[in-house]
């Protein structure tokens, strides 16, 4: 009997206890049509990188698919010409 109670207590519930709804993120490039993603604009590209030098995910930055792809290629180009680091130590 005690063994059954312990087993039931250790089981995970099938439904989550609390799900958090986050604020809807928007693509800042779509909202402001004048912005152009350039590999030489290091200050803009750093906003989309972590402190370790990794490219942040689309769900974190709020970019749309098209602009996230352009940001990623711009970051990779900036890394090639040594404007941005591949990683930070």
N, C-alpha and C. Protein backbone atom coordinates (compact mmCIF):
# COMPACT_ATOMS: atom_id res chain seq x y z
N UNK A 1 0.81 -1.19 0.00
CA UNK A 1 0.00 0.00 0.00
C UNK A 1 0.86 1.27 0.00
N UNK A 2 1.85 1.31 0.87
CA UNK A 2 2.71 2.49 0.94
C UNK A 2 3.49 2.65 -0.35
N UNK A 3 3.85 1.54 -0.94
CA UNK A 3 4.60 1.58 -2.19
C UNK A 3 3.75 2.20 -3.30
N UNK A 4 2.46 1.88 -3.36
CA UNK A 4 1.57 2.45 -4.37
C UNK A 4 1.42 3.96 -4.20
N UNK A 5 1.31 4.40 -2.95
CA UNK A 5 1.18 5.84 -2.70
C UNK A 5 2.44 6.58 -3.15
N UNK A 6 3.61 6.02 -2.87
CA UNK A 6 4.86 6.66 -3.28
C UNK A 6 4.96 6.72 -4.79
N UNK A 7 4.53 5.67 -5.45
CA UNK A 7 4.59 5.63 -6.90
C UNK A 7 3.66 6.69 -7.50
N UNK A 8 2.46 6.83 -6.93
CA UNK A 8 1.52 7.83 -7.42
C UNK A 8 2.02 9.25 -7.17
N UNK A 9 2.69 9.45 -6.07
CA UNK A 9 3.18 10.78 -5.72
C UNK A 9 4.31 11.21 -6.66
N UNK A 10 5.10 10.25 -7.14
CA UNK A 10 6.23 10.57 -8.00
C UNK A 10 5.85 10.72 -9.46
N UNK A 11 4.65 10.34 -9.84
CA UNK A 11 4.23 10.47 -11.23
C UNK A 11 3.99 11.93 -11.57
N UNK A 12 4.30 12.25 -12.81
CA UNK A 12 4.07 13.61 -13.27
C UNK A 12 2.65 13.71 -13.80
N UNK A 13 2.05 14.84 -13.58
CA UNK A 13 0.69 15.08 -14.04
C UNK A 13 0.69 15.17 -15.56
N UNK A 14 -0.38 14.74 -16.19
CA UNK A 14 -0.46 14.80 -17.64
C UNK A 14 -0.73 16.20 -18.13
N UNK A 15 -1.39 17.02 -17.34
CA UNK A 15 -1.63 18.40 -17.76
C UNK A 15 -0.77 19.34 -16.93
N UNK A 16 -0.27 20.39 -17.55
CA UNK A 16 0.57 21.32 -16.81
C UNK A 16 -0.24 22.10 -15.78
N UNK A 17 0.39 22.38 -14.66
CA UNK A 17 -0.30 23.08 -13.58
C UNK A 17 -0.55 24.54 -13.95
N UNK A 18 0.40 25.16 -14.62
CA UNK A 18 0.28 26.58 -14.93
C UNK A 18 1.02 26.87 -16.22
N UNK A 19 0.32 27.40 -17.18
CA UNK A 19 0.97 27.79 -18.42
C UNK A 19 0.97 29.30 -18.51
N UNK A 20 2.10 29.85 -18.83
CA UNK A 20 2.23 31.29 -18.88
C UNK A 20 2.07 31.77 -20.32
N UNK A 21 1.19 32.71 -20.51
CA UNK A 21 1.02 33.32 -21.83
C UNK A 21 1.90 34.55 -21.88
N UNK A 22 2.83 34.57 -22.81
CA UNK A 22 3.72 35.70 -22.93
C UNK A 22 3.13 36.78 -23.81
N UNK A 23 3.76 37.93 -23.77
CA UNK A 23 3.33 39.04 -24.61
C UNK A 23 3.71 38.73 -26.05
N UNK A 24 2.83 39.02 -26.98
CA UNK A 24 3.08 38.76 -28.39
C UNK A 24 4.22 39.65 -28.86
N UNK A 25 5.25 39.02 -29.41
CA UNK A 25 6.38 39.77 -29.91
C UNK A 25 6.13 40.13 -31.37
N UNK A 26 6.70 41.20 -31.80
CA UNK A 26 6.51 41.65 -33.17
C UNK A 26 7.87 41.83 -33.83
N UNK A 27 7.87 41.72 -35.12
CA UNK A 27 9.10 41.90 -35.88
C UNK A 27 9.38 43.40 -36.02
N UNK A 28 10.50 43.85 -35.49
CA UNK A 28 10.79 45.28 -35.55
C UNK A 28 11.13 45.74 -36.96
N UNK A 29 11.52 44.83 -37.81
CA UNK A 29 11.83 45.20 -39.19
C UNK A 29 10.55 45.37 -40.01
N UNK A 30 9.53 44.57 -39.72
CA UNK A 30 8.25 44.73 -40.41
C UNK A 30 7.52 45.97 -39.91
N UNK A 31 7.62 46.25 -38.61
CA UNK A 31 6.94 47.42 -38.04
C UNK A 31 7.54 48.71 -38.57
N UNK A 32 8.86 48.76 -38.68
CA UNK A 32 9.55 49.94 -39.20
C UNK A 32 10.11 49.57 -40.56
N UNK A 33 9.39 49.90 -41.60
CA UNK A 33 9.76 49.49 -42.95
C UNK A 33 11.07 50.06 -43.45
N UNK A 34 11.62 51.06 -42.80
CA UNK A 34 12.83 51.72 -43.27
C UNK A 34 14.11 50.98 -42.88
N UNK A 35 14.02 50.07 -41.93
CA UNK A 35 15.23 49.40 -41.45
C UNK A 35 15.76 48.43 -42.51
N UNK A 36 17.06 48.51 -42.72
CA UNK A 36 17.74 47.62 -43.65
C UNK A 36 18.76 46.82 -42.85
N UNK A 37 18.79 45.54 -43.07
CA UNK A 37 19.72 44.68 -42.33
C UNK A 37 21.04 44.65 -43.09
N UNK A 38 22.06 45.23 -42.49
CA UNK A 38 23.36 45.32 -43.12
C UNK A 38 24.39 44.63 -42.24
N UNK A 39 25.29 43.89 -42.83
CA UNK A 39 26.28 43.15 -42.04
C UNK A 39 27.28 44.09 -41.37
N UNK A 40 27.37 45.34 -41.84
CA UNK A 40 28.31 46.30 -41.26
C UNK A 40 27.73 47.03 -40.05
N UNK A 41 26.43 46.90 -39.82
CA UNK A 41 25.77 47.55 -38.68
C UNK A 41 25.89 46.63 -37.46
N UNK A 42 27.03 46.70 -36.80
CA UNK A 42 27.36 45.78 -35.71
C UNK A 42 26.46 46.00 -34.50
N UNK A 43 26.13 47.25 -34.20
CA UNK A 43 25.31 47.54 -33.02
C UNK A 43 23.92 46.93 -33.17
N UNK A 44 23.36 46.94 -34.36
CA UNK A 44 22.06 46.32 -34.59
C UNK A 44 22.15 44.80 -34.48
N UNK A 45 23.20 44.22 -35.05
CA UNK A 45 23.34 42.77 -35.06
C UNK A 45 23.62 42.20 -33.66
N UNK A 46 24.26 42.98 -32.81
CA UNK A 46 24.55 42.51 -31.45
C UNK A 46 23.28 42.30 -30.63
N UNK A 47 22.20 42.99 -30.99
CA UNK A 47 20.92 42.81 -30.29
C UNK A 47 20.37 41.41 -30.50
N UNK A 48 20.76 40.77 -31.59
CA UNK A 48 20.25 39.46 -31.94
C UNK A 48 21.23 38.34 -31.61
N UNK A 49 22.25 38.66 -30.81
CA UNK A 49 23.22 37.67 -30.38
C UNK A 49 23.23 37.58 -28.87
N UNK A 50 23.52 36.39 -28.36
CA UNK A 50 23.64 36.22 -26.91
C UNK A 50 25.00 36.74 -26.46
N UNK A 51 25.20 36.79 -25.16
CA UNK A 51 26.49 37.24 -24.65
C UNK A 51 27.60 36.25 -24.96
N UNK A 52 27.24 35.03 -25.31
CA UNK A 52 28.22 34.01 -25.70
C UNK A 52 28.54 34.05 -27.19
N UNK A 53 27.83 34.89 -27.95
CA UNK A 53 28.09 35.01 -29.37
C UNK A 53 27.20 34.17 -30.25
N UNK A 54 26.19 33.53 -29.67
CA UNK A 54 25.28 32.69 -30.45
C UNK A 54 24.13 33.53 -30.98
N UNK A 55 23.59 33.14 -32.12
CA UNK A 55 22.45 33.84 -32.71
C UNK A 55 21.21 33.44 -31.93
N UNK A 56 20.45 34.43 -31.48
CA UNK A 56 19.23 34.16 -30.72
C UNK A 56 18.14 33.62 -31.63
N UNK A 57 17.27 32.80 -31.05
CA UNK A 57 16.19 32.17 -31.81
C UNK A 57 15.12 33.19 -32.17
N UNK A 58 14.32 32.84 -33.15
CA UNK A 58 13.26 33.71 -33.63
C UNK A 58 12.21 33.95 -32.56
N UNK A 59 11.91 32.93 -31.77
CA UNK A 59 10.90 33.10 -30.73
C UNK A 59 11.39 33.99 -29.60
N UNK A 60 12.70 34.14 -29.47
CA UNK A 60 13.26 35.02 -28.45
C UNK A 60 13.29 36.47 -28.95
N UNK A 61 13.71 36.67 -30.19
CA UNK A 61 13.85 38.02 -30.73
C UNK A 61 12.52 38.59 -31.20
N UNK A 62 11.59 37.74 -31.63
CA UNK A 62 10.31 38.21 -32.12
C UNK A 62 10.32 38.52 -33.61
N UNK A 63 11.39 38.20 -34.29
CA UNK A 63 11.46 38.47 -35.73
C UNK A 63 10.57 37.52 -36.51
N UNK A 64 10.14 37.97 -37.69
CA UNK A 64 9.42 37.06 -38.58
C UNK A 64 10.46 36.16 -39.25
N UNK A 65 9.98 35.17 -39.95
CA UNK A 65 10.88 34.18 -40.55
C UNK A 65 11.83 34.82 -41.57
N UNK A 66 11.29 35.69 -42.40
CA UNK A 66 12.10 36.31 -43.45
C UNK A 66 13.23 37.15 -42.86
N UNK A 67 12.90 37.98 -41.88
CA UNK A 67 13.92 38.85 -41.31
C UNK A 67 14.89 38.11 -40.40
N UNK A 68 14.44 37.04 -39.77
CA UNK A 68 15.36 36.24 -38.96
C UNK A 68 16.42 35.60 -39.84
N UNK A 69 16.01 35.15 -41.02
CA UNK A 69 16.97 34.58 -41.97
C UNK A 69 17.99 35.62 -42.41
N UNK A 70 17.50 36.84 -42.69
CA UNK A 70 18.40 37.91 -43.12
C UNK A 70 19.35 38.32 -42.00
N UNK A 71 18.86 38.36 -40.77
CA UNK A 71 19.71 38.68 -39.62
C UNK A 71 20.79 37.62 -39.47
N UNK A 72 20.42 36.36 -39.60
CA UNK A 72 21.38 35.27 -39.44
C UNK A 72 22.47 35.33 -40.51
N UNK A 73 22.10 35.59 -41.75
CA UNK A 73 23.11 35.68 -42.81
C UNK A 73 23.99 36.92 -42.62
N UNK A 74 23.41 38.01 -42.13
CA UNK A 74 24.21 39.22 -41.88
C UNK A 74 25.20 38.99 -40.75
N UNK A 75 24.78 38.28 -39.71
CA UNK A 75 25.69 37.96 -38.60
C UNK A 75 26.82 37.06 -39.09
N UNK A 76 26.48 36.09 -39.91
CA UNK A 76 27.51 35.18 -40.43
C UNK A 76 28.49 35.91 -41.33
N UNK A 77 28.00 36.85 -42.13
CA UNK A 77 28.89 37.65 -42.98
C UNK A 77 29.79 38.55 -42.14
N UNK A 78 29.23 39.15 -41.10
CA UNK A 78 30.02 40.01 -40.22
C UNK A 78 31.09 39.21 -39.48
N UNK A 79 30.79 37.97 -39.16
CA UNK A 79 31.80 37.11 -38.53
C UNK A 79 32.94 36.82 -39.49
N UNK A 80 32.60 36.61 -40.75
CA UNK A 80 33.62 36.28 -41.76
C UNK A 80 34.63 37.41 -41.93
N UNK A 81 34.15 38.66 -41.88
CA UNK A 81 35.06 39.79 -42.06
C UNK A 81 35.54 40.36 -40.72
N UNK A 82 35.37 39.60 -39.66
CA UNK A 82 35.88 39.88 -38.32
C UNK A 82 35.29 41.13 -37.69
N UNK A 83 34.04 41.44 -38.01
CA UNK A 83 33.35 42.53 -37.33
C UNK A 83 32.69 42.03 -36.05
N UNK A 84 32.31 40.76 -36.04
CA UNK A 84 31.69 40.12 -34.88
C UNK A 84 32.48 38.87 -34.53
N UNK A 85 32.53 38.52 -33.25
CA UNK A 85 33.25 37.30 -32.86
C UNK A 85 32.41 36.05 -33.12
N UNK A 86 33.09 34.95 -33.34
CA UNK A 86 32.40 33.66 -33.45
C UNK A 86 31.92 33.22 -32.08
N UNK A 87 32.71 33.50 -31.07
CA UNK A 87 32.33 33.19 -29.69
C UNK A 87 33.06 34.16 -28.78
N UNK A 88 32.54 34.30 -27.57
CA UNK A 88 33.22 35.15 -26.60
C UNK A 88 33.70 34.28 -25.45
N UNK A 89 34.78 34.68 -24.84
CA UNK A 89 35.35 33.87 -23.77
C UNK A 89 35.10 34.47 -22.44
